[in-house]
Amino acid sequence: MARVVWDRIDKIRESRETIPFRQLPSHENFRPPAQIESDFRHLLNHDVPHVNFTFELIHDWFKRNDEDYEPIYIRGQQTAIDWKSKIGNSDMSTNFKTSYEIPIQKGDIVVREDGALFMLNWNITLHANNQATQSVECNAVVDFTRKAKPEVDPTTGFRLDDPISNDRIVIAHEMPISHSEYAGRPDFSGSSGQAGMHPDHLISVYVQWNPTTRKIRLDDEFVLGDFTYRVVNVSLAEVQIDRDYGVLSLNAKRVAGGTVSGIEG
């Protein structure tokens, strides 16, 4: 084994010393580099696997059905979030960044080039060269329905329809949502297909706020998997103050009945 030469080690240590700090005031004419924004745009236009994608940007999901609808495409960057713990479906969220060419807003739905649906569920942060937010993957597409009002004879006041009918009208058709099991303490009730008292299966649901979904009310229902859920709480806490955009937060309970334990097939 070779003998250590200590004077050489000292020289190596000296070569790694940092430049001494000098406290100087910022120049009054300081400006960020002119190319700082264009550099980010150029980065987005590069084909970086698993990071850079092309998205269709949708401010109002239901305008896609209009005859004069013209899709808007943006380049965006998705990266993982280093969560410290997992709550609900937090592992389905990613950091999302795009350039300033087209403004984005909270509640927007973006369709990735592979067909995956995401909703921008954080307020937009404006950086020097990009718009930043978070995107959560939509894990279901549902119809929100409401029990139809009874048809009544205006002269007699008697109902003209079947009083035990279950006719429902569609409030929001094929709306993407992000849902997860409620993370708080569950109540217990008989709202399951099994005998006895069980957790009420309360779930949290996030929906894009738009002129159609703003009509969702308490007791509206939707089918998720093999079960029907009823809206028991509607919160506008994540909707912009002027009610122009945002995320509609719902809580829903599983309706009694439906599939019992086990899955057929």
C-alpha atoms as a PDB file:
ATOM      1  CA  MET A   1       0.000   0.000   0.000  1.00  0.00           C
ATOM      2  CA  ALA A   2       1.388   3.391  -0.974  1.00  0.00           C
ATOM      3  CA  ARG A   3       2.335   5.853   1.765  1.00  0.00           C
ATOM      4  CA  VAL A   4       0.066   8.874   2.093  1.00  0.00           C
ATOM      5  CA  VAL A   5       1.741  12.140   1.164  1.00  0.00           C
ATOM      6  CA  TRP A   6       0.223  14.688   3.581  1.00  0.00           C
ATOM      7  CA  ASP A   7       1.413  17.825   1.791  1.00  0.00           C
ATOM      8  CA  ARG A   8      -0.544  16.826  -1.315  1.00  0.00           C
ATOM      9  CA  ILE A   9      -3.725  16.352   0.733  1.00  0.00           C
ATOM     10  CA  ASP A  10      -3.324  19.850   2.156  1.00  0.00           C
ATOM     11  CA  LYS A  11      -3.072  21.263  -1.342  1.00  0.00           C
ATOM     12  CA  ILE A  12      -6.265  19.441  -2.342  1.00  0.00           C
ATOM     13  CA  ARG A  13      -8.055  20.922   0.632  1.00  0.00           C
ATOM     14  CA  GLU A  14      -6.911  24.404  -0.278  1.00  0.00           C
ATOM     15  CA  SER A  15      -8.131  23.963  -3.860  1.00  0.00           C
ATOM     16  CA  ARG A  16     -11.669  23.313  -2.609  1.00  0.00           C
ATOM     17  CA  GLU A  17     -12.037  26.491  -0.599  1.00  0.00           C
ATOM     18  CA  THR A  18     -14.988  28.622  -1.665  1.00  0.00           C
ATOM     19  CA  ILE A  19     -14.752  32.193  -2.853  1.00  0.00           C
ATOM     20  CA  PRO A  20     -15.030  34.586   0.114  1.00  0.00           C
ATOM     21  CA  PHE A  21     -18.482  36.177   0.506  1.00  0.00           C
ATOM     22  CA  ARG A  22     -18.735  39.886  -0.276  1.00  0.00           C
ATOM     23  CA  GLN A  23     -21.866  41.730   0.731  1.00  0.00           C
ATOM     24  CA  LEU A  24     -22.734  44.162  -2.058  1.00  0.00           C
ATOM     25  CA  PRO A  25     -26.034  45.893  -2.836  1.00  0.00           C
ATOM     26  CA  SER A  26     -27.994  44.778  -5.891  1.00  0.00           C
ATOM     27  CA  HIS A  27     -27.502  46.978  -8.926  1.00  0.00           C
ATOM     28  CA  GLU A  28     -30.464  49.287  -9.515  1.00  0.00           C
ATOM     29  CA  ASN A  29     -30.710  48.210 -13.147  1.00  0.00           C
ATOM     30  CA  PHE A  30     -30.758  44.468 -12.406  1.00  0.00           C
ATOM     31  CA  ARG A  31     -32.952  42.516 -14.828  1.00  0.00           C
ATOM     32  CA  PRO A  32     -33.446  38.777 -15.269  1.00  0.00           C
ATOM     33  CA  PRO A  33     -31.890  37.412 -18.468  1.00  0.00           C
ATOM     34  CA  ALA A  34     -34.009  38.230 -21.502  1.00  0.00           C
ATOM     35  CA  GLN A  35     -33.959  34.619 -22.647  1.00  0.00           C
ATOM     36  CA  ILE A  36     -35.147  33.124 -19.332  1.00  0.00           C
ATOM     37  CA  GLU A  37     -38.711  32.590 -20.619  1.00  0.00           C
ATOM     38  CA  SER A  38     -37.749  31.444 -24.112  1.00  0.00           C
ATOM     39  CA  ASP A  39     -35.316  28.926 -22.610  1.00  0.00           C
ATOM     40  CA  PHE A  40     -38.200  27.267 -20.748  1.00  0.00           C
ATOM     41  CA  ARG A  41     -40.313  27.186 -23.907  1.00  0.00           C
ATOM     42  CA  HIS A  42     -37.452  25.540 -25.770  1.00  0.00           C
ATOM     43  CA  LEU A  43     -37.140  22.981 -22.965  1.00  0.00           C
ATOM     44  CA  LEU A  44     -40.858  22.128 -23.261  1.00  0.00           C
ATOM     45  CA  ASN A  45     -40.532  21.637 -27.002  1.00  0.00           C
ATOM     46  CA  HIS A  46     -37.860  18.983 -26.498  1.00  0.00           C
ATOM     47  CA  ASP A  47     -39.017  15.385 -26.360  1.00  0.00           C
ATOM     48  CA  VAL A  48     -38.077  14.553 -22.759  1.00  0.00           C
ATOM     49  CA  PRO A  49     -39.565  11.100 -22.047  1.00  0.00           C
ATOM     50  CA  HIS A  50     -41.977  10.835 -19.084  1.00  0.00           C
ATOM     51  CA  VAL A  51     -41.687  14.587 -18.369  1.00  0.00           C
ATOM     52  CA  ASN A  52     -42.754  16.750 -21.327  1.00  0.00           C
ATOM     53  CA  PHE A  53     -46.148  16.143 -22.942  1.00  0.00           C
ATOM     54  CA  THR A  54     -48.685  17.784 -25.221  1.00  0.00           C
ATOM     55  CA  PHE A  55     -52.048  18.469 -23.561  1.00  0.00           C
ATOM     56  CA  GLU A  56     -55.461  19.604 -24.699  1.00  0.00           C
ATOM     57  CA  LEU A  57     -56.483  22.436 -22.363  1.00  0.00           C
ATOM     58  CA  ILE A  58     -60.200  22.555 -21.484  1.00  0.00           C
ATOM     59  CA  HIS A  59     -61.590  25.479 -19.446  1.00  0.00           C
ATOM     60  CA  ASP A  60     -65.166  24.139 -19.657  1.00  0.00           C
ATOM     61  CA  TRP A  61     -65.547  20.390 -20.160  1.00  0.00           C
ATOM     62  CA  PHE A  62     -68.977  20.649 -21.784  1.00  0.00           C
ATOM     63  CA  LYS A  63     -67.958  23.149 -24.458  1.00  0.00           C
ATOM     64  CA  ARG A  64     -66.235  20.259 -26.211  1.00  0.00           C
ATOM     65  CA  ASN A  65     -69.690  19.356 -27.550  1.00  0.00           C
ATOM     66  CA  ASP A  66     -70.209  22.719 -29.267  1.00  0.00           C
ATOM     67  CA  GLU A  67     -70.108  22.734 -33.062  1.00  0.00           C
ATOM     68  CA  ASP A  68     -67.655  25.653 -33.162  1.00  0.00           C
ATOM     69  CA  TYR A  69     -65.362  24.161 -30.509  1.00  0.00           C
ATOM     70  CA  GLU A  70     -61.676  24.504 -31.367  1.00  0.00           C
ATOM     71  CA  PRO A  71     -59.259  22.561 -29.153  1.00  0.00           C
ATOM     72  CA  ILE A  72     -56.415  24.401 -27.433  1.00  0.00           C
ATOM     73  CA  TYR A  73     -53.098  22.570 -27.130  1.00  0.00           C
ATOM     74  CA  ILE A  74     -50.241  23.378 -24.775  1.00  0.00           C
ATOM     75  CA  ARG A  75     -46.898  21.841 -23.932  1.00  0.00           C
ATOM     76  CA  GLY A  76     -46.557  20.979 -20.260  1.00  0.00           C
ATOM     77  CA  GLN A  77     -44.137  19.387 -17.842  1.00  0.00           C
ATOM     78  CA  GLN A  78     -45.255  16.828 -15.262  1.00  0.00           C
ATOM     79  CA  THR A  79     -42.971  15.689 -12.443  1.00  0.00           C
ATOM     80  CA  ALA A  80     -43.540  13.609  -9.332  1.00  0.00           C
ATOM     81  CA  ILE A  81     -44.322  15.172  -5.956  1.00  0.00           C
ATOM     82  CA  ASP A  82     -42.158  13.937  -3.092  1.00  0.00           C
ATOM     83  CA  TRP A  83     -44.973  13.451  -0.573  1.00  0.00           C
ATOM     84  CA  LYS A  84     -44.019  12.687   3.021  1.00  0.00           C
ATOM     85  CA  SER A  85     -47.164  10.604   3.518  1.00  0.00           C
ATOM     86  CA  LYS A  86     -50.132   9.300   1.551  1.00  0.00           C
ATOM     87  CA  ILE A  87     -53.618  10.670   2.228  1.00  0.00           C
ATOM     88  CA  GLY A  88     -56.556   9.756   0.006  1.00  0.00           C
ATOM     89  CA  ASN A  89     -55.358   9.707  -3.588  1.00  0.00           C
ATOM     90  CA  SER A  90     -52.444  12.122  -3.076  1.00  0.00           C
ATOM     91  CA  ASP A  91     -50.161   9.762  -5.000  1.00  0.00           C
ATOM     92  CA  MET A  92     -52.195  10.582  -8.132  1.00  0.00           C
ATOM     93  CA  SER A  93     -51.032  14.201  -8.057  1.00  0.00           C
ATOM     94  CA  THR A  94     -48.084  15.646  -9.993  1.00  0.00           C
ATOM     95  CA  ASN A  95     -46.367  19.003 -10.355  1.00  0.00           C
ATOM     96  CA  PHE A  96     -47.459  20.761 -13.538  1.00  0.00           C
ATOM     97  CA  LYS A  97     -45.656  23.578 -15.365  1.00  0.00           C
ATOM     98  CA  THR A  98     -46.288  25.304 -18.657  1.00  0.00           C
ATOM     99  CA  SER A  99     -45.134  28.462 -20.440  1.00  0.00           C
ATOM    100  CA  TYR A 100     -46.941  31.812 -20.582  1.00  0.00           C
ATOM    101  CA  GLU A 101     -48.159  31.385 -24.152  1.00  0.00           C
ATOM    102  CA  ILE A 102     -51.670  30.350 -23.007  1.00  0.00           C
ATOM    103  CA  PRO A 103     -53.019  31.206 -19.518  1.00  0.00           C
ATOM    104  CA  ILE A 104     -54.195  28.334 -17.322  1.00  0.00           C
ATOM    105  CA  GLN A 105     -56.449  28.481 -14.279  1.00  0.00           C
ATOM    106  CA  LYS A 106     -57.430  26.327 -11.336  1.00  0.00           C
ATOM    107  CA  GLY A 107     -60.038  23.753 -12.320  1.00  0.00           C
ATOM    108  CA  ASP A 108     -58.879  23.377 -15.917  1.00  0.00           C
ATOM    109  CA  ILE A 109     -58.955  19.842 -17.288  1.00  0.00           C
ATOM    110  CA  VAL A 110     -55.995  18.768 -19.401  1.00  0.00           C
ATOM    111  CA  VAL A 111     -56.028  15.693 -21.630  1.00  0.00           C
ATOM    112  CA  ARG A 112     -52.548  14.203 -22.007  1.00  0.00           C
ATOM    113  CA  GLU A 113     -51.416  12.838 -25.345  1.00  0.00           C
ATOM    114  CA  ASP A 114     -51.922   9.274 -24.052  1.00  0.00           C
ATOM    115  CA  GLY A 115     -55.580  10.040 -23.205  1.00  0.00           C
ATOM    116  CA  ALA A 116     -55.165  10.402 -19.439  1.00  0.00           C
ATOM    117  CA  LEU A 117     -57.353  13.113 -17.837  1.00  0.00           C
ATOM    118  CA  PHE A 118     -56.017  15.502 -15.216  1.00  0.00           C
ATOM    119  CA  MET A 119     -57.530  18.426 -13.326  1.00  0.00           C
ATOM    120  CA  LEU A 120     -55.439  21.414 -12.224  1.00  0.00           C
ATOM    121  CA  ASN A 121     -56.398  21.547  -8.555  1.00  0.00           C
ATOM    122  CA  TRP A 122     -54.005  24.162  -7.103  1.00  0.00           C
ATOM    123  CA  ASN A 123     -53.932  27.936  -7.488  1.00  0.00           C
ATOM    124  CA  ILE A 124     -51.633  28.970 -10.322  1.00  0.00           C
ATOM    125  CA  THR A 125     -48.233  30.265  -9.196  1.00  0.00           C
ATOM    126  CA  LEU A 126     -46.567  32.681 -11.609  1.00  0.00           C
ATOM    127  CA  HIS A 127     -42.805  32.187 -11.808  1.00  0.00           C
ATOM    128  CA  ALA A 128     -40.310  34.185 -13.846  1.00  0.00           C
ATOM    129  CA  ASN A 129     -40.571  31.837 -16.804  1.00  0.00           C
ATOM    130  CA  ASN A 130     -43.527  29.492 -16.220  1.00  0.00           C
ATOM    131  CA  GLN A 131     -46.983  28.948 -14.769  1.00  0.00           C
ATOM    132  CA  ALA A 132     -46.898  26.296 -12.044  1.00  0.00           C
ATOM    133  CA  THR A 133     -49.639  24.290 -10.355  1.00  0.00           C
ATOM    134  CA  GLN A 134     -50.502  20.694  -9.470  1.00  0.00           C
ATOM    135  CA  SER A 135     -52.554  18.216 -11.471  1.00  0.00           C
ATOM    136  CA  VAL A 136     -54.565  15.323 -10.064  1.00  0.00           C
ATOM    137  CA  GLU A 137     -55.538  12.413 -12.293  1.00  0.00           C
ATOM    138  CA  CYS A 138     -59.268  11.964 -12.848  1.00  0.00           C
ATOM    139  CA  ASN A 139     -60.157   8.404 -11.862  1.00  0.00           C
ATOM    140  CA  ALA A 140     -63.807   8.219 -12.947  1.00  0.00           C
ATOM    141  CA  VAL A 141     -66.342   9.661 -15.399  1.00  0.00           C
ATOM    142  CA  VAL A 142     -69.880   9.855 -13.996  1.00  0.00           C
ATOM    143  CA  ASP A 143     -73.382  11.226 -14.628  1.00  0.00           C
ATOM    144  CA  PHE A 144     -74.828  13.460 -11.915  1.00  0.00           C
ATOM    145  CA  THR A 145     -78.594  12.922 -11.801  1.00  0.00           C
ATOM    146  CA  ARG A 146     -81.575  14.321  -9.871  1.00  0.00           C
ATOM    147  CA  LYS A 147     -84.997  12.863  -9.165  1.00  0.00           C
ATOM    148  CA  ALA A 148     -87.477  14.348 -11.618  1.00  0.00           C
ATOM    149  CA  LYS A 149     -90.183  16.634 -10.244  1.00  0.00           C
ATOM    150  CA  PRO A 150     -93.604  14.988 -10.125  1.00  0.00           C
ATOM    151  CA  GLU A 151     -96.051  15.826 -12.907  1.00  0.00           C
ATOM    152  CA  VAL A 152     -99.167  17.328 -11.331  1.00  0.00           C
ATOM    153  CA  ASP A 153    -102.590  18.119 -12.799  1.00  0.00           C
ATOM    154  CA  PRO A 154    -102.977  21.915 -12.387  1.00  0.00           C
ATOM    155  CA  THR A 155    -106.742  21.654 -11.841  1.00  0.00           C
ATOM    156  CA  THR A 156    -107.037  18.719  -9.457  1.00  0.00           C
ATOM    157  CA  GLY A 157    -103.588  18.725  -7.895  1.00  0.00           C
ATOM    158  CA  PHE A 158    -103.281  14.968  -8.362  1.00  0.00           C
ATOM    159  CA  ARG A 159    -100.071  13.432  -9.632  1.00  0.00           C
ATOM    160  CA  LEU A 160    -100.165  12.294 -13.231  1.00  0.00           C
ATOM    161  CA  ASP A 161     -97.023  10.166 -13.115  1.00  0.00           C
ATOM    162  CA  ASP A 162     -96.266   7.021 -11.181  1.00  0.00           C
ATOM    163  CA  PRO A 163     -95.707   8.094  -7.546  1.00  0.00           C
ATOM    164  CA  ILE A 164     -93.158   5.338  -7.008  1.00  0.00           C
ATOM    165  CA  SER A 165     -91.264   5.921 -10.248  1.00  0.00           C
ATOM    166  CA  ASN A 166     -87.546   6.525 -10.077  1.00  0.00           C
ATOM    167  CA  ASP A 167     -87.281   8.786 -13.103  1.00  0.00           C
ATOM    168  CA  ARG A 168     -84.168  10.952 -12.965  1.00  0.00           C
ATOM    169  CA  ILE A 169     -82.894  13.858 -15.026  1.00  0.00           C
ATOM    170  CA  VAL A 170     -79.220  14.252 -15.925  1.00  0.00           C
ATOM    171  CA  ILE A 171     -77.555  17.357 -14.469  1.00  0.00           C
ATOM    172  CA  ALA A 172     -74.004  16.734 -15.735  1.00  0.00           C
ATOM    173  CA  HIS A 173     -73.378  14.003 -18.319  1.00  0.00           C
ATOM    174  CA  GLU A 174     -70.079  12.083 -18.404  1.00  0.00           C
ATOM    175  CA  MET A 175     -68.193  14.463 -16.118  1.00  0.00           C
ATOM    176  CA  PRO A 176     -64.601  13.507 -15.147  1.00  0.00           C
ATOM    177  CA  ILE A 177     -64.042  13.508 -11.381  1.00  0.00           C
ATOM    178  CA  SER A 178     -61.287  12.763  -8.920  1.00  0.00           C
ATOM    179  CA  HIS A 179     -62.524  10.830  -5.894  1.00  0.00           C
ATOM    180  CA  SER A 180     -60.999   9.251  -2.819  1.00  0.00           C
ATOM    181  CA  GLU A 181     -62.130   7.718   0.456  1.00  0.00           C
ATOM    182  CA  TYR A 182     -62.854  10.355   3.087  1.00  0.00           C
ATOM    183  CA  ALA A 183     -59.740  10.689   5.269  1.00  0.00           C
ATOM    184  CA  GLY A 184     -61.558  11.660   8.493  1.00  0.00           C
ATOM    185  CA  ARG A 185     -63.382   9.578  11.078  1.00  0.00           C
ATOM    186  CA  PRO A 186     -66.258   7.646   9.445  1.00  0.00           C
ATOM    187  CA  ASP A 187     -69.790   7.629  10.827  1.00  0.00           C
ATOM    188  CA  PHE A 188     -71.530   4.321  11.189  1.00  0.00           C
ATOM    189  CA  SER A 189     -74.958   3.560   9.768  1.00  0.00           C
ATOM    190  CA  GLY A 190     -76.973   0.870   8.056  1.00  0.00           C
ATOM    191  CA  SER A 191     -76.253   2.193   4.548  1.00  0.00           C
ATOM    192  CA  SER A 192     -74.700  -0.952   3.141  1.00  0.00           C
ATOM    193  CA  GLY A 193     -75.834  -4.167   1.543  1.00  0.00           C
ATOM    194  CA  GLN A 194     -74.942  -6.164   4.648  1.00  0.00           C
ATOM    195  CA  ALA A 195     -76.694  -6.673   7.951  1.00  0.00           C
ATOM    196  CA  GLY A 196     -75.526  -4.640  10.927  1.00  0.00           C
ATOM    197  CA  MET A 197     -73.822  -1.286  11.251  1.00  0.00           C
ATOM    198  CA  HIS A 198     -70.948  -0.439   8.911  1.00  0.00           C
ATOM    199  CA  PRO A 199     -68.987   2.695   7.909  1.00  0.00           C
ATOM    200  CA  ASP A 200     -71.152   4.965   5.766  1.00  0.00           C
ATOM    201  CA  HIS A 201     -68.614   4.945   2.935  1.00  0.00           C
ATOM    202  CA  LEU A 202     -68.213   8.717   2.746  1.00  0.00           C
ATOM    203  CA  ILE A 203     -66.040   9.797  -0.182  1.00  0.00           C
ATOM    204  CA  SER A 204     -64.532  13.101  -1.294  1.00  0.00           C
ATOM    205  CA  VAL A 205     -65.187  14.155  -4.882  1.00  0.00           C
ATOM    206  CA  TYR A 206     -63.564  16.989  -6.852  1.00  0.00           C
ATOM    207  CA  VAL A 207     -65.199  18.362  -9.996  1.00  0.00           C
ATOM    208  CA  GLN A 208     -64.346  21.170 -12.398  1.00  0.00           C
ATOM    209  CA  TRP A 209     -66.458  24.277 -11.672  1.00  0.00           C
ATOM    210  CA  ASN A 210     -68.317  25.328 -14.806  1.00  0.00           C
ATOM    211  CA  PRO A 211     -71.824  26.550 -15.760  1.00  0.00           C
ATOM    212  CA  THR A 212     -73.080  22.927 -15.781  1.00  0.00           C
ATOM    213  CA  THR A 213     -71.548  21.545 -12.581  1.00  0.00           C
ATOM    214  CA  ARG A 214     -72.553  24.637 -10.605  1.00  0.00           C
ATOM    215  CA  LYS A 215     -76.106  23.213 -10.790  1.00  0.00           C
ATOM    216  CA  ILE A 216     -75.136  20.193  -8.641  1.00  0.00           C
ATOM    217  CA  ARG A 217     -77.138  20.194  -5.382  1.00  0.00           C
ATOM    218  CA  LEU A 218     -77.556  18.132  -2.248  1.00  0.00           C
ATOM    219  CA  ASP A 219     -79.218  14.741  -2.816  1.00  0.00           C
ATOM    220  CA  ASP A 220     -78.062  14.554  -6.438  1.00  0.00           C
ATOM    221  CA  GLU A 221     -76.696  11.096  -7.215  1.00  0.00           C
ATOM    222  CA  PHE A 222     -74.086   9.391  -9.374  1.00  0.00           C
ATOM    223  CA  VAL A 223     -73.061   5.802 -10.003  1.00  0.00           C
ATOM    224  CA  LEU A 224     -69.498   4.816  -9.180  1.00  0.00           C
ATOM    225  CA  GLY A 225     -68.586   1.235  -9.945  1.00  0.00           C
ATOM    226  CA  ASP A 226     -71.376  -1.020  -8.665  1.00  0.00           C
ATOM    227  CA  PHE A 227     -72.753   1.500  -6.184  1.00  0.00           C
ATOM    228  CA  THR A 228     -74.842   4.663  -6.163  1.00  0.00           C
ATOM    229  CA  TYR A 229     -73.635   7.666  -4.179  1.00  0.00           C
ATOM    230  CA  ARG A 230     -75.689  10.623  -2.946  1.00  0.00           C
ATOM    231  CA  VAL A 231     -74.235  14.127  -2.531  1.00  0.00           C
ATOM    232  CA  VAL A 232     -74.411  15.150   1.139  1.00  0.00           C
ATOM    233  CA  ASN A 233     -72.213  18.256   1.086  1.00  0.00           C
ATOM    234  CA  VAL A 234     -71.273  20.899  -1.496  1.00  0.00           C
ATOM    235  CA  SER A 235     -68.376  23.273  -0.800  1.00  0.00           C
ATOM    236  CA  LEU A 236     -67.333  26.339  -2.820  1.00  0.00           C
ATOM    237  CA  ALA A 237     -64.140  26.843  -0.805  1.00  0.00           C
ATOM    238  CA  GLU A 238     -61.965  26.144  -3.852  1.00  0.00           C
ATOM    239  CA  VAL A 239     -63.999  28.237  -6.300  1.00  0.00           C
ATOM    240  CA  GLN A 240     -62.700  31.689  -7.277  1.00  0.00           C
ATOM    241  CA  ILE A 241     -64.418  34.569  -5.449  1.00  0.00           C
ATOM    242  CA  ASP A 242     -66.202  35.793  -8.604  1.00  0.00           C
ATOM    243  CA  ARG A 243     -67.366  32.212  -9.325  1.00  0.00           C
ATOM    244  CA  ASP A 244     -65.604  32.223 -12.691  1.00  0.00           C
ATOM    245  CA  TYR A 245     -63.464  29.103 -12.258  1.00  0.00           C
ATOM    246  CA  GLY A 246     -62.154  26.664  -9.672  1.00  0.00           C
ATOM    247  CA  VAL A 247     -62.788  23.238  -8.190  1.00  0.00           C
ATOM    248  CA  LEU A 248     -66.121  22.126  -6.740  1.00  0.00           C
ATOM    249  CA  SER A 249     -65.661  19.965  -3.625  1.00  0.00           C
ATOM    250  CA  LEU A 250     -68.311  17.379  -2.795  1.00  0.00           C
ATOM    251  CA  ASN A 251     -68.880  14.727  -0.162  1.00  0.00           C
ATOM    252  CA  ALA A 252     -71.037  11.756  -1.064  1.00  0.00           C
ATOM    253  CA  LYS A 253     -72.418   8.758   0.825  1.00  0.00           C
ATOM    254  CA  ARG A 254     -73.096   5.327  -0.552  1.00  0.00           C
ATOM    255  CA  VAL A 255     -76.820   4.729  -0.980  1.00  0.00           C
ATOM    256  CA  ALA A 256     -78.173   1.667   0.832  1.00  0.00           C
ATOM    257  CA  GLY A 257     -78.563  -1.446  -1.279  1.00  0.00           C
ATOM    258  CA  GLY A 258     -76.719  -2.335  -4.444  1.00  0.00           C
ATOM    259  CA  THR A 259     -73.983  -4.903  -4.650  1.00  0.00           C
ATOM    260  CA  VAL A 260     -73.302  -6.953  -1.498  1.00  0.00           C
ATOM    261  CA  SER A 261     -69.991  -8.420  -0.429  1.00  0.00           C
ATOM    262  CA  GLY A 262     -67.982  -9.958  -3.219  1.00  0.00           C
ATOM    263  CA  ILE A 263     -67.835  -9.219  -6.930  1.00  0.00           C
ATOM    264  CA  GLU A 264     -69.738 -11.269  -9.440  1.00  0.00           C
ATOM    265  CA  GLY A 265     -67.950 -12.767 -12.408  1.00  0.00           C
END
